[in-house]
Amino acid sequence: MDKNQLFIERREQGDYAVRKPDSARASAVLPTQAEAIAWAKEHNPKAAPMVERVRKTKGGHPDKWRT
């Protein structure tokens, strides 16, 4: 796994954390998923951030990741 990959996860508080793999702390915490994706793309433009699904859709469920 690329150590520069970023993951966007929804927190219990309802905001979104941007994390690197195996990190104990978030690199950033933002109020919306869109802001978290924009922050991740700005700070790591070479890699597509992995985004945690937060609702059920035809393409996946909350336990899946999307790019």
Protein backbone atom coordinates (compact mmCIF):
# COMPACT_ATOMS: atom_id res chain seq x y z
CA MET A 1 0.00 0.00 0.00
CA ASP A 2 1.24 3.46 -0.88
CA LYS A 3 2.19 5.37 2.27
CA ASN A 4 1.01 8.59 0.60
CA GLN A 5 -2.49 7.23 -0.08
CA LEU A 6 -5.22 9.15 1.73
CA PHE A 7 -8.46 7.75 3.15
CA ILE A 8 -11.57 9.79 3.89
CA GLU A 9 -13.66 8.37 6.73
CA ARG A 10 -16.84 9.59 8.37
CA ARG A 11 -16.40 10.10 12.10
CA GLU A 12 -19.01 9.48 14.81
CA GLN A 13 -19.33 13.27 15.22
CA GLY A 14 -20.61 13.48 11.62
CA ASP A 15 -17.57 15.20 10.13
CA TYR A 16 -14.88 13.64 7.92
CA ALA A 17 -11.30 12.68 8.71
CA VAL A 18 -8.52 12.50 6.12
CA ARG A 19 -5.97 9.84 7.14
CA LYS A 20 -2.87 8.12 5.84
CA PRO A 21 -2.71 4.30 6.10
CA ASP A 22 -2.13 3.01 9.65
CA SER A 23 -2.09 6.52 11.14
CA ALA A 24 -3.22 7.12 14.70
CA ARG A 25 -4.35 10.69 14.02
CA ALA A 26 -6.14 12.37 11.14
CA SER A 27 -4.22 14.68 8.82
CA ALA A 28 -7.32 16.90 8.64
CA VAL A 29 -10.89 16.93 9.93
CA LEU A 30 -13.45 18.76 7.79
CA PRO A 31 -17.21 19.27 8.11
CA THR A 32 -18.24 17.81 4.72
CA GLN A 33 -17.16 14.91 2.55
CA ALA A 34 -16.69 17.25 -0.43
CA GLU A 35 -14.30 19.49 1.55
CA ALA A 36 -12.36 16.43 2.73
CA ILE A 37 -12.01 15.15 -0.86
CA ALA A 38 -10.86 18.59 -2.05
CA TRP A 39 -8.30 18.81 0.79
CA ALA A 40 -6.96 15.33 -0.01
CA LYS A 41 -6.63 16.10 -3.74
CA GLU A 42 -4.87 19.39 -2.98
CA HIS A 43 -2.35 17.76 -0.63
CA ASN A 44 -1.77 14.63 -2.71
CA PRO A 45 -2.63 15.37 -6.36
CA LYS A 46 -0.97 12.21 -7.72
CA ALA A 47 -3.23 9.73 -5.90
CA ALA A 48 -7.00 9.43 -5.88
CA PRO A 49 -8.26 9.44 -2.29
CA MET A 50 -10.20 6.41 -1.08
CA VAL A 51 -13.61 7.53 0.19
CA GLU A 52 -15.69 5.54 2.66
CA ARG A 53 -19.27 5.07 1.49
CA VAL A 54 -21.78 6.59 3.87
CA ARG A 55 -25.05 5.34 2.39
CA LYS A 56 -26.48 2.37 0.55
CA THR A 57 -26.50 2.65 -3.25
CA LYS A 58 -26.79 0.27 -6.19
CA GLY A 59 -22.99 0.36 -6.42
CA GLY A 60 -22.12 -0.33 -2.78
CA HIS A 61 -22.86 -0.19 0.91
CA PRO A 62 -21.36 1.78 3.82
CA ASP A 63 -18.73 -0.90 4.45
CA LYS A 64 -17.15 -0.36 1.00
CA TRP A 65 -14.61 2.17 -0.32
CA ARG A 66 -14.73 4.14 -3.55
CA THR A 67 -12.16 6.18 -5.44
